[in-house]
């Protein structure tokens, strides 16, 4: 039995949660996959997977073996990548994890360009807001917000985002904004809910030593940045979100920034990878690509017009 091949088949069954899906992804017959797992269990003398007609469950032994398989397969892949790197080849599969909002708004739309640039590399993209253990799940690169404190990981900063306040031009034309956010009506502010709670996050502003906190009390509140932006575009009120999410909408004229002369909090985006002596060509290529995508957003931010509305409702650009 080819144990390395059996490890690959077993890992794919676990990742897919199905023998048939694993067989399809590996371009194998169902019977081949089933027979491979049966022979592997016979070789090890343990049951790895408990299965019935509806679902699969890993045994304790299966869970341990799966983690070790990922380590072995990653080591083999890294060894191959080290050899390929001498020829500058970017190939194989790169497994990427990213928060849903930034993945859908920025990363995923740009992936076709990345795929054309590296035709020998395939991308497996996992979108989730709850970060997973990237080593256990075999993730090559994870996009995370804020610093990661883990000695087994390397976090490379790729973008410094700032919170900005926006609204649709139509809404701003119908509503007079006060000169200072201190005097904002909280009922005009749409909220972004805290994770797992029905409570909106506060908006924070600062200038010349003055600190202002606004707790949104508007008619709409979401736990989704994209839903919040869509509501603002439709004219429902003011929002405060990270610039990276609204820059395209500001550039397109769908939203206008206000109170741009006030300081707000920021978040740093990091490309997180398992610590390794050698950075594989595919990981290096993806991080470079990610930086390009985010830098393009930064350029959009600096070139887009910014509206600063006074208490009388006039605009100056």
Protein backbone atom coordinates (compact mmCIF):
# COMPACT_ATOMS: atom_id res chain seq x y z
CA UNK A 1 0.00 0.00 0.00
CA UNK A 2 1.24 3.46 -0.91
CA UNK A 3 0.87 5.07 2.52
CA UNK A 4 1.48 8.61 1.29
CA UNK A 5 -1.27 8.25 -1.30
CA UNK A 6 -3.54 6.67 1.32
CA UNK A 7 -2.92 9.64 3.63
CA UNK A 8 -3.91 12.01 0.84
CA UNK A 9 -7.12 10.08 0.13
CA UNK A 10 -8.00 9.87 3.83
CA UNK A 11 -7.38 13.61 4.33
CA UNK A 12 -9.54 14.48 1.34
CA UNK A 13 -12.40 12.32 2.66
CA UNK A 14 -12.24 14.18 5.98
CA UNK A 15 -12.05 17.60 4.29
CA UNK A 16 -14.96 16.83 1.97
CA UNK A 17 -17.02 15.03 4.60
CA UNK A 18 -17.99 12.45 2.02
CA UNK A 19 -16.46 9.47 0.22
CA UNK A 20 -18.18 10.37 -3.04
CA UNK A 21 -17.14 14.03 -2.95
CA UNK A 22 -13.57 13.02 -2.15
CA UNK A 23 -13.60 10.56 -5.04
CA UNK A 24 -14.87 13.26 -7.39
CA UNK A 25 -12.26 15.78 -6.28
CA UNK A 26 -9.48 13.21 -6.75
CA UNK A 27 -10.95 11.91 -10.04
CA UNK A 28 -11.21 8.40 -8.60
CA UNK A 29 -13.97 5.82 -8.47
CA UNK A 30 -15.98 5.65 -5.25
CA UNK A 31 -14.96 2.04 -4.79
CA UNK A 32 -11.29 3.00 -5.03
CA UNK A 33 -11.63 5.56 -2.23
CA UNK A 34 -13.65 3.20 -0.05
CA UNK A 35 -11.14 0.42 -0.58
CA UNK A 36 -8.21 2.73 0.20
CA UNK A 37 -9.70 3.75 3.57
CA UNK A 38 -10.56 0.13 4.39
CA UNK A 39 -6.99 -0.98 3.64
CA UNK A 40 -5.57 1.93 5.64
CA UNK A 41 -7.68 1.03 8.67
CA UNK A 42 -6.63 -2.62 8.31
CA UNK A 43 -2.98 -1.58 8.12
CA UNK A 44 -3.28 0.57 11.25
CA UNK A 45 -5.51 -1.86 13.12
CA UNK A 46 -7.99 0.87 14.10
CA UNK A 47 -11.22 2.42 12.86
CA UNK A 48 -10.54 5.91 11.54
CA UNK A 49 -13.99 6.87 10.32
CA UNK A 50 -17.40 5.86 11.60
CA UNK A 51 -19.87 6.14 8.76
CA UNK A 52 -23.46 5.46 7.86
CA UNK A 53 -25.66 6.47 4.95
CA UNK A 54 -26.02 10.05 6.17
CA UNK A 55 -22.77 11.28 7.74
CA UNK A 56 -19.15 10.57 8.69
CA UNK A 57 -17.57 10.91 12.12
CA UNK A 58 -13.88 10.71 12.95
CA UNK A 59 -12.91 8.47 15.83
CA UNK A 60 -10.34 9.74 18.34
CA UNK A 61 -7.72 7.76 16.46
CA UNK A 62 -8.98 9.20 13.19
CA UNK A 63 -8.72 12.76 14.51
CA UNK A 64 -5.13 12.22 15.62
CA UNK A 65 -4.19 10.50 12.36
CA UNK A 66 -5.78 13.30 10.31
CA UNK A 67 -3.68 15.95 12.10
CA UNK A 68 -0.52 13.92 11.50
CA UNK A 69 -1.46 13.39 7.85
CA UNK A 70 -1.72 17.13 7.35
CA UNK A 71 1.74 17.61 8.85
CA UNK A 72 3.25 14.91 6.62
CA UNK A 73 1.52 16.11 3.45
CA UNK A 74 2.50 19.70 4.18
CA UNK A 75 6.12 18.59 4.63
CA UNK A 76 6.07 16.73 1.32
CA UNK A 77 4.52 19.71 -0.43
CA UNK A 78 7.10 22.04 1.06
CA UNK A 79 9.94 19.76 -0.04
CA UNK A 80 8.58 19.74 -3.57
CA UNK A 81 8.12 23.51 -3.47
CA UNK A 82 11.74 24.02 -2.39
CA UNK A 83 12.87 22.08 -5.44
CA UNK A 84 10.47 23.90 -7.76
CA UNK A 85 11.52 27.25 -6.37
CA UNK A 86 14.92 26.84 -7.96
CA UNK A 87 13.08 27.10 -11.26
CA UNK A 88 10.75 29.80 -9.95
CA UNK A 89 7.70 27.57 -10.45
CA UNK A 90 4.46 28.50 -8.67
CA UNK A 91 2.34 25.35 -8.70
CA UNK A 92 0.10 23.06 -6.67
CA UNK A 93 -2.82 24.15 -4.49
CA UNK A 94 -2.85 27.07 -2.07
CA UNK A 95 -5.40 26.94 0.76
CA UNK A 96 -6.55 30.38 1.90
CA UNK A 97 -8.81 31.49 4.76
CA UNK A 98 -10.32 34.99 4.95
CA UNK A 99 -13.14 36.85 6.71
CA UNK A 100 -16.36 36.78 4.69
CA UNK A 101 -16.73 40.53 4.10
CA UNK A 102 -13.21 41.25 2.87
CA UNK A 103 -13.09 38.02 0.88
CA UNK A 104 -16.31 38.77 -1.01
CA UNK A 105 -15.66 42.47 -1.53
CA UNK A 106 -11.94 42.42 -2.39
CA UNK A 107 -10.14 39.09 -2.60
CA UNK A 108 -12.57 36.89 -4.52
CA UNK A 109 -13.25 39.41 -7.32
CA UNK A 110 -9.50 39.66 -7.94
CA UNK A 111 -8.78 35.90 -7.87
CA UNK A 112 -9.39 35.36 -11.61
CA UNK A 113 -6.47 37.71 -12.29
CA UNK A 114 -4.30 35.75 -9.87
CA UNK A 115 -5.33 32.46 -11.52
CA UNK A 116 -4.37 33.74 -14.97
CA UNK A 117 -1.03 34.90 -13.63
CA UNK A 118 -0.25 31.44 -12.20
CA UNK A 119 -1.98 28.83 -14.38
CA UNK A 120 -0.26 25.90 -12.61
CA UNK A 121 -1.66 26.94 -9.21
CA UNK A 122 -5.18 26.33 -7.95
CA UNK A 123 -6.77 28.27 -5.07
CA UNK A 124 -8.98 26.72 -2.37
CA UNK A 125 -10.67 29.65 -0.62
CA UNK A 126 -12.42 29.24 2.75
CA UNK A 127 -14.61 32.14 3.88
CA UNK A 128 -15.30 32.32 7.60
CA UNK A 129 -15.53 34.92 10.35
CA UNK A 130 -14.44 32.58 13.14
CA UNK A 131 -10.71 31.89 12.67
CA UNK A 132 -9.61 28.27 12.77
CA UNK A 133 -6.31 26.69 13.70
CA UNK A 134 -4.56 27.08 10.38
CA UNK A 135 -1.97 24.39 11.12
CA UNK A 136 -4.56 21.77 12.01
CA UNK A 137 -6.65 22.64 8.96
CA UNK A 138 -3.73 22.73 6.55
CA UNK A 139 -4.22 26.43 5.68
CA UNK A 140 -1.35 28.06 3.80
CA UNK A 141 -2.38 31.72 4.23
CA UNK A 142 -5.04 33.27 6.46
CA UNK A 143 -6.10 36.91 6.24
CA UNK A 144 -6.67 38.15 9.78
CA UNK A 145 -7.49 41.49 11.40
CA UNK A 146 -5.22 42.55 14.28
CA UNK A 147 -2.06 40.94 15.61
CA UNK A 148 -1.83 37.18 16.02
CA UNK A 149 -0.03 36.02 19.16
CA UNK A 150 1.14 32.51 18.36
CA UNK A 151 4.75 31.38 18.29
CA UNK A 152 3.95 28.85 15.55
CA UNK A 153 2.63 31.52 13.16
CA UNK A 154 4.08 34.43 11.22
CA UNK A 155 1.86 37.52 10.73
CA UNK A 156 2.84 39.94 7.95
CA UNK A 157 1.01 43.31 7.88
CA UNK A 158 -0.53 43.94 4.46
CA UNK A 159 -2.95 46.85 5.05
CA UNK A 160 -3.70 49.50 7.66
CA UNK A 161 -7.43 50.26 7.51
CA UNK A 162 -9.25 53.21 9.10
CA UNK A 163 -12.89 53.61 10.05
CA UNK A 164 -14.76 56.16 7.91
CA UNK A 165 -18.28 57.59 8.05
CA UNK A 166 -20.35 57.49 4.86
CA UNK A 167 -23.85 57.99 3.52
CA UNK A 168 -25.50 58.12 0.12
CA UNK A 169 -25.52 61.47 -1.73
CA UNK A 170 -29.33 61.40 -1.69
CA UNK A 171 -29.49 60.96 2.08
CA UNK A 172 -26.95 63.71 2.64
CA UNK A 173 -28.90 66.05 0.38
CA UNK A 174 -31.99 65.59 2.57
CA UNK A 175 -30.32 65.73 5.99
CA UNK A 176 -28.28 68.47 7.59
CA UNK A 177 -25.22 67.25 9.41
CA UNK A 178 -23.84 69.11 12.44
CA UNK A 179 -20.34 70.52 12.17
CA UNK A 180 -19.08 68.08 14.81
CA UNK A 181 -19.89 64.39 15.20
CA UNK A 182 -20.45 65.25 18.87
CA UNK A 183 -23.84 66.63 17.85
CA UNK A 184 -24.84 63.74 15.58
CA UNK A 185 -28.29 62.27 16.14
CA UNK A 186 -27.68 58.58 17.01
CA UNK A 187 -31.00 57.76 15.32
CA UNK A 188 -29.39 58.68 11.98
CA UNK A 189 -26.59 56.15 12.51
CA UNK A 190 -26.91 52.55 11.32
CA UNK A 191 -25.15 50.03 13.54
CA UNK A 192 -22.75 47.14 13.12
CA UNK A 193 -23.56 44.52 15.74
CA UNK A 194 -20.93 43.09 18.06
CA UNK A 195 -20.07 39.46 17.39
CA UNK A 196 -22.77 37.23 18.87
CA UNK A 197 -24.72 40.15 20.42
CA UNK A 198 -27.62 42.38 19.43
CA UNK A 199 -25.70 45.49 20.51
CA UNK A 200 -24.20 47.95 18.01
CA UNK A 201 -20.57 48.96 18.25
CA UNK A 202 -19.79 52.54 19.26
CA UNK A 203 -18.36 55.06 16.81
CA UNK A 204 -15.22 56.77 18.09
CA UNK A 205 -13.84 60.12 16.89
CA UNK A 206 -10.91 62.25 17.98
CA UNK A 207 -9.47 65.68 17.12
CA UNK A 208 -7.30 68.18 18.97
CA UNK A 209 -7.62 66.23 22.19
CA UNK A 210 -11.41 65.97 21.98
CA UNK A 211 -12.90 62.46 22.11
CA UNK A 212 -16.41 61.68 20.87
CA UNK A 213 -18.35 58.43 21.22
CA UNK A 214 -21.60 57.72 19.38
CA UNK A 215 -23.76 54.66 20.06
CA UNK A 216 -25.86 54.10 16.88
CA UNK A 217 -29.61 53.98 17.42
CA UNK A 218 -30.74 53.98 13.81
CA UNK A 219 -33.53 51.86 12.35
CA UNK A 220 -31.22 49.23 10.85
CA UNK A 221 -28.44 47.22 12.51
CA UNK A 222 -26.56 44.25 11.05
CA UNK A 223 -23.80 41.83 11.92
CA UNK A 224 -22.69 42.08 8.27
CA UNK A 225 -20.58 44.92 6.89
CA UNK A 226 -21.87 44.25 3.39
CA UNK A 227 -25.50 44.48 4.52
CA UNK A 228 -24.69 47.73 6.31
CA UNK A 229 -23.09 49.24 3.20
CA UNK A 230 -26.02 48.20 1.03
CA UNK A 231 -28.45 49.88 3.45
CA UNK A 232 -26.42 53.09 3.29
CA UNK A 233 -26.33 53.02 -0.52
CA UNK A 234 -30.13 52.68 -0.45
CA UNK A 235 -30.33 55.88 1.60
CA UNK A 236 -31.08 54.51 5.08
CA UNK A 237 -28.58 56.64 7.00
CA UNK A 238 -24.97 57.07 8.08
CA UNK A 239 -22.55 54.17 8.59
CA UNK A 240 -19.06 53.82 10.02
CA UNK A 241 -17.04 50.97 8.51
CA UNK A 242 -13.44 50.27 7.52
CA UNK A 243 -12.31 52.25 4.49
CA UNK A 244 -11.24 49.14 2.61
CA UNK A 245 -14.88 48.05 2.31
CA UNK A 246 -16.32 51.34 1.03
CA UNK A 247 -13.54 52.77 -1.13
CA UNK A 248 -15.02 51.29 -4.36
CA UNK A 249 -18.47 52.67 -3.50
CA UNK A 250 -17.02 56.12 -2.76
CA UNK A 251 -15.10 56.06 -6.05
CA UNK A 252 -18.31 55.07 -7.88
CA UNK A 253 -20.26 57.94 -6.31
CA UNK A 254 -22.62 55.61 -4.44
CA UNK A 255 -21.40 56.86 -1.06
CA UNK A 256 -19.75 60.03 0.23
CA UNK A 257 -17.40 60.31 3.18
CA UNK A 258 -18.12 62.83 5.93
CA UNK A 259 -16.14 64.05 8.95
CA UNK A 260 -12.95 63.09 7.13
CA UNK A 261 -11.06 65.71 9.19
CA UNK A 262 -11.65 63.69 12.39
CA UNK A 263 -9.42 60.83 13.51
CA UNK A 264 -10.92 57.37 13.92
CA UNK A 265 -9.71 53.99 15.09
CA UNK A 266 -7.96 51.57 12.76
CA UNK A 267 -7.42 47.87 12.16
CA UNK A 268 -4.40 46.16 10.65
CA UNK A 269 -4.84 43.30 8.21
CA UNK A 270 -2.25 40.53 8.39
CA UNK A 271 -1.35 37.65 6.10
CA UNK A 272 -0.79 34.81 8.56
CA UNK A 273 1.19 31.67 7.70
CA UNK A 274 2.62 28.74 9.65
CA UNK A 275 6.18 29.41 10.73
CA UNK A 276 8.59 27.68 8.37
CA UNK A 277 12.23 27.89 7.44
CA UNK A 278 11.29 28.29 3.80
CA UNK A 279 8.43 30.36 2.36
CA UNK A 280 7.03 28.45 -0.61
CA UNK A 281 6.73 30.22 -3.97
CA UNK A 282 2.94 29.86 -3.97
CA UNK A 283 2.64 31.51 -0.53
CA UNK A 284 5.00 34.30 -1.51
CA UNK A 285 3.09 34.85 -4.76
CA UNK A 286 -0.28 35.02 -2.99
CA UNK A 287 0.92 37.45 -0.31
CA UNK A 288 2.39 39.71 -3.00
CA UNK A 289 -0.90 39.54 -4.88
CA UNK A 290 -2.87 40.31 -1.72
CA UNK A 291 -0.71 43.37 -1.09
CA UNK A 292 -1.35 44.53 -4.66
CA UNK A 293 -5.12 44.24 -4.22
CA UNK A 294 -5.09 46.16 -0.94
CA UNK A 295 -2.68 48.78 -2.24
CA UNK A 296 -5.10 49.41 -5.12
CA UNK A 297 -7.78 50.12 -2.52
CA UNK A 298 -5.47 52.55 -0.76
CA UNK A 299 -4.88 54.36 -4.05
CA UNK A 300 -8.64 54.54 -4.62
CA UNK A 301 -9.08 56.09 -1.19
CA UNK A 302 -6.58 58.85 -1.90
CA UNK A 303 -8.00 59.75 -5.32
CA UNK A 304 -11.72 59.58 -4.49
CA UNK A 305 -13.41 62.93 -3.74
CA UNK A 306 -14.37 63.49 -0.12
CA UNK A 307 -17.41 65.50 0.87
CA UNK A 308 -17.21 67.54 4.07
CA UNK A 309 -20.63 68.85 4.99
CA UNK A 310 -21.15 71.78 7.32
CA UNK A 311 -23.97 72.38 9.78
CA UNK A 312 -25.80 74.32 7.08
CA UNK A 313 -25.71 71.34 4.73
CA UNK A 314 -23.32 72.84 2.14
CA UNK A 315 -20.52 70.80 0.70
CA UNK A 316 -16.94 71.68 -0.03
CA UNK A 317 -14.56 69.42 -1.89
